[in-house]
C-alpha atoms as a PDB file:
ATOM      1  CA  MET A   1     -58.757 -54.888 -14.437  1.00  0.00           C
ATOM      2  CA  ILE A   2     -56.894 -57.953 -15.633  1.00  0.00           C
ATOM      3  CA  PHE A   3     -57.003 -61.017 -13.387  1.00  0.00           C
ATOM      4  CA  THR A   4     -54.800 -64.106 -13.235  1.00  0.00           C
ATOM      5  CA  THR A   5     -54.806 -67.185 -11.011  1.00  0.00           C
ATOM      6  CA  ARG A   6     -51.166 -66.744  -9.993  1.00  0.00           C
ATOM      7  CA  GLN A   7     -50.584 -64.875  -6.749  1.00  0.00           C
ATOM      8  CA  PHE A   8     -47.723 -62.346  -6.565  1.00  0.00           C
ATOM      9  CA  PRO A   9     -46.401 -60.681  -3.412  1.00  0.00           C
ATOM     10  CA  ILE A  10     -47.584 -57.124  -2.897  1.00  0.00           C
ATOM     11  CA  ARG A  11     -44.534 -54.954  -3.428  1.00  0.00           C
ATOM     12  CA  ILE A  12     -43.361 -51.585  -4.618  1.00  0.00           C
ATOM     13  CA  VAL A  13     -41.786 -51.879  -8.050  1.00  0.00           C
ATOM     14  CA  SER A  14     -40.041 -49.320 -10.210  1.00  0.00           C
ATOM     15  CA  ARG A  15     -38.872 -48.829 -13.756  1.00  0.00           C
ATOM     16  CA  PRO A  16     -36.973 -46.016 -15.487  1.00  0.00           C
ATOM     17  CA  LYS A  17     -39.201 -43.063 -16.386  1.00  0.00           C
ATOM     18  CA  LEU A  18     -40.258 -42.818 -20.031  1.00  0.00           C
ATOM     19  CA  SER A  19     -38.792 -39.322 -20.317  1.00  0.00           C
ATOM     20  CA  GLY A  20     -36.242 -37.575 -18.176  1.00  0.00           C
ATOM     21  CA  ILE A  21     -34.320 -39.065 -15.313  1.00  0.00           C
ATOM     22  CA  GLY A  22     -35.495 -41.020 -12.308  1.00  0.00           C
ATOM     23  CA  GLU A  23     -37.806 -43.936 -11.670  1.00  0.00           C
ATOM     24  CA  HIS A  24     -41.555 -44.460 -11.917  1.00  0.00           C
ATOM     25  CA  TRP A  25     -43.037 -46.370  -8.939  1.00  0.00           C
ATOM     26  CA  GLY A  26     -46.082 -48.581  -8.640  1.00  0.00           C
ATOM     27  CA  VAL A  27     -47.419 -51.326  -6.372  1.00  0.00           C
ATOM     28  CA  GLN A  28     -47.653 -54.845  -7.750  1.00  0.00           C
ATOM     29  CA  LEU A  29     -50.840 -56.543  -6.567  1.00  0.00           C
ATOM     30  CA  PRO A  30     -51.475 -60.288  -5.991  1.00  0.00           C
ATOM     31  CA  SER A  31     -52.895 -60.555  -9.538  1.00  0.00           C
ATOM     32  CA  GLY A  32     -49.615 -59.285 -10.992  1.00  0.00           C
ATOM     33  CA  ASN A  33     -51.252 -56.031 -12.087  1.00  0.00           C
ATOM     34  CA  ILE A  34     -49.704 -52.784 -10.942  1.00  0.00           C
ATOM     35  CA  ALA A  35     -51.429 -49.831  -9.300  1.00  0.00           C
ATOM     36  CA  HIS A  36     -49.685 -46.563 -10.094  1.00  0.00           C
ATOM     37  CA  LEU A  37     -50.290 -42.834 -10.302  1.00  0.00           C
ATOM     38  CA  THR A  38     -49.621 -40.749 -13.387  1.00  0.00           C
ATOM     39  CA  PRO A  39     -50.578 -37.172 -14.229  1.00  0.00           C
ATOM     40  CA  THR A  40     -53.785 -38.631 -15.717  1.00  0.00           C
ATOM     41  CA  GLY A  41     -54.710 -40.336 -12.419  1.00  0.00           C
ATOM     42  CA  GLU A  42     -54.663 -43.631 -10.552  1.00  0.00           C
ATOM     43  CA  GLN A  43     -54.543 -46.727 -12.722  1.00  0.00           C
ATOM     44  CA  VAL A  44     -54.355 -50.489 -12.305  1.00  0.00           C
ATOM     45  CA  VAL A  45     -52.617 -51.913 -15.368  1.00  0.00           C
ATOM     46  CA  SER A  46     -50.898 -55.100 -16.486  1.00  0.00           C
ATOM     47  CA  SER A  47     -47.241 -55.513 -15.595  1.00  0.00           C
ATOM     48  CA  GLU A  48     -46.397 -55.261 -19.308  1.00  0.00           C
ATOM     49  CA  HIS A  49     -48.250 -51.966 -19.639  1.00  0.00           C
ATOM     50  CA  PHE A  50     -46.477 -50.592 -16.553  1.00  0.00           C
ATOM     51  CA  ALA A  51     -43.051 -51.743 -17.791  1.00  0.00           C
ATOM     52  CA  GLN A  52     -43.385 -50.089 -21.219  1.00  0.00           C
ATOM     53  CA  GLY A  53     -40.512 -52.295 -22.419  1.00  0.00           C
ATOM     54  CA  ARG A  54     -38.240 -51.280 -19.550  1.00  0.00           C
ATOM     55  CA  LYS A  55     -36.785 -53.424 -16.795  1.00  0.00           C
ATOM     56  CA  VAL A  56     -38.935 -53.498 -13.636  1.00  0.00           C
ATOM     57  CA  LYS A  57     -37.260 -54.029 -10.270  1.00  0.00           C
ATOM     58  CA  GLU A  58     -38.508 -54.626  -6.759  1.00  0.00           C
ATOM     59  CA  VAL A  59     -38.076 -51.775  -4.277  1.00  0.00           C
ATOM     60  CA  ARG A  60     -39.555 -53.566  -1.231  1.00  0.00           C
ATOM     61  CA  ARG A  61     -42.261 -56.033  -0.231  1.00  0.00           C
ATOM     62  CA  ALA A  62     -45.250 -55.643   2.029  1.00  0.00           C
ATOM     63  CA  ALA A  63     -45.797 -57.963   4.957  1.00  0.00           C
ATOM     64  CA  PRO A  64     -48.579 -60.471   4.148  1.00  0.00           C
ATOM     65  CA  GLU A  65     -50.620 -59.285   7.145  1.00  0.00           C
ATOM     66  CA  GLN A  66     -50.878 -55.854   5.444  1.00  0.00           C
ATOM     67  CA  TYR A  67     -52.363 -57.168   2.181  1.00  0.00           C
ATOM     68  CA  ALA A  68     -56.049 -56.601   3.070  1.00  0.00           C
ATOM     69  CA  GLN A  69     -55.433 -52.965   4.083  1.00  0.00           C
ATOM     70  CA  ILE A  70     -53.353 -52.309   0.962  1.00  0.00           C
ATOM     71  CA  MET A  71     -56.069 -53.722  -1.270  1.00  0.00           C
ATOM     72  CA  GLN A  72     -58.653 -51.521   0.509  1.00  0.00           C
ATOM     73  CA  ARG A  73     -56.507 -48.437  -0.190  1.00  0.00           C
ATOM     74  CA  VAL A  74     -56.146 -49.448  -3.864  1.00  0.00           C
ATOM     75  CA  THR A  75     -59.915 -49.823  -4.226  1.00  0.00           C
ATOM     76  CA  LEU A  76     -60.572 -46.544  -2.404  1.00  0.00           C
ATOM     77  CA  SER A  77     -58.066 -44.608  -4.517  1.00  0.00           C
ATOM     78  CA  VAL A  78     -59.364 -45.929  -7.839  1.00  0.00           C
ATOM     79  CA  GLN A  79     -62.977 -45.216  -6.841  1.00  0.00           C
ATOM     80  CA  ASN A  80     -62.138 -41.734  -5.484  1.00  0.00           C
ATOM     81  CA  PRO A  81     -59.204 -40.463  -7.555  1.00  0.00           C
ATOM     82  CA  GLY A  82     -57.170 -37.481  -6.472  1.00  0.00           C
ATOM     83  CA  ARG A  83     -55.063 -35.071  -8.466  1.00  0.00           C
ATOM     84  CA  TYR A  84     -51.424 -35.661  -9.346  1.00  0.00           C
ATOM     85  CA  ARG A  85     -49.093 -33.057  -7.817  1.00  0.00           C
ATOM     86  CA  LEU A  86     -45.367 -33.298  -8.481  1.00  0.00           C
ATOM     87  CA  PHE A  87     -44.145 -32.372  -5.010  1.00  0.00           C
ATOM     88  CA  ASP A  88     -46.644 -34.060  -2.692  1.00  0.00           C
ATOM     89  CA  ARG A  89     -48.790 -36.562  -4.644  1.00  0.00           C
ATOM     90  CA  ASN A  90     -46.668 -38.303  -7.222  1.00  0.00           C
ATOM     91  CA  CYS A  91     -45.947 -41.936  -8.072  1.00  0.00           C
ATOM     92  CA  GLU A  92     -43.643 -42.430  -5.077  1.00  0.00           C
ATOM     93  CA  THR A  93     -45.932 -40.832  -2.498  1.00  0.00           C
ATOM     94  CA  TYR A  94     -48.836 -42.833  -3.940  1.00  0.00           C
ATOM     95  CA  ALA A  95     -46.940 -46.139  -3.747  1.00  0.00           C
ATOM     96  CA  THR A  96     -45.736 -45.520  -0.186  1.00  0.00           C
ATOM     97  CA  TRP A  97     -49.263 -44.471   0.880  1.00  0.00           C
ATOM     98  CA  LEU A  98     -50.756 -47.625  -0.661  1.00  0.00           C
ATOM     99  CA  MET A  99     -48.255 -49.672   1.345  1.00  0.00           C
ATOM    100  CA  GLY A 100     -49.403 -47.996   4.572  1.00  0.00           C
ATOM    101  CA  GLU A 101     -46.211 -45.983   4.961  1.00  0.00           C
ATOM    102  CA  LYS A 102     -45.702 -42.255   5.346  1.00  0.00           C
ATOM    103  CA  PRO A 103     -46.201 -40.809   1.843  1.00  0.00           C
ATOM    104  CA  GLN A 104     -42.778 -39.649   0.707  1.00  0.00           C
ATOM    105  CA  SER A 105     -40.784 -39.098  -2.455  1.00  0.00           C
ATOM    106  CA  PRO A 106     -37.021 -39.589  -2.114  1.00  0.00           C
ATOM    107  CA  GLN A 107     -36.483 -38.465  -5.722  1.00  0.00           C
ATOM    108  CA  VAL A 108     -38.266 -35.130  -5.239  1.00  0.00           C
ATOM    109  CA  ALA A 109     -36.554 -34.585  -1.888  1.00  0.00           C
ATOM    110  CA  GLY A 110     -33.181 -35.196  -3.552  1.00  0.00           C
ATOM    111  CA  VAL A 111     -33.852 -32.737  -6.364  1.00  0.00           C
ATOM    112  CA  VAL A 112     -35.026 -30.076  -3.890  1.00  0.00           C
ATOM    113  CA  ALA A 113     -31.922 -30.620  -1.734  1.00  0.00           C
ATOM    114  CA  LEU A 114     -29.635 -30.304  -4.769  1.00  0.00           C
ATOM    115  CA  GLY A 115     -31.428 -27.111  -5.785  1.00  0.00           C
ATOM    116  CA  LEU A 116     -30.960 -25.619  -2.333  1.00  0.00           C
ATOM    117  CA  ILE A 117     -27.265 -26.548  -2.296  1.00  0.00           C
ATOM    118  CA  ALA A 118     -26.783 -25.053  -5.770  1.00  0.00           C
ATOM    119  CA  ALA A 119     -28.553 -21.837  -4.727  1.00  0.00           C
ATOM    120  CA  PHE A 120     -26.452 -21.601  -1.573  1.00  0.00           C
ATOM    121  CA  LEU A 121     -23.219 -22.107  -3.520  1.00  0.00           C
ATOM    122  CA  ARG A 122     -24.298 -19.584  -6.158  1.00  0.00           C
ATOM    123  CA  PHE A 123     -25.022 -16.862  -3.664  1.00  0.00           C
ATOM    124  CA  ALA A 124     -22.351 -17.680  -1.058  1.00  0.00           C
END
C-alpha cells in the first residue's frame, strides 16, 4: 500500500470504465489510495492508478463516525478476497458494502430492467 500524511475523506468515487459504457467505482481511503474490486480481485491502489488518466468524481461521502468500520471491512476484504461476479459482487456492490450500505449495483439493475423492457416489447 502507498501511504501519505494527508488525510482524505472516505468516499465512493467513480471514473469511466476503461472499456464499454458505465462507471467503475471504488472507495477513497484517508491515505488517498482507493480500494476497488476488479475481475482480478480486491485491490488498494494509488488514486492515479485507479484513475487510469480519466476524470474521477465523488459519488458520496461516509460519515466520519463510520471510518473505523469501513477500514476494518477494507482490511478484511483484502486479507480474505472473494470472487468477482458481474451481477452480485462487482465494483459497485463492493464499494457500497465497504461503506456499510446494502450492497447494490444501480448500473446492473438498470441494464437488467432495460433488457426486461426490451423483451416485453419484443414479445408483446
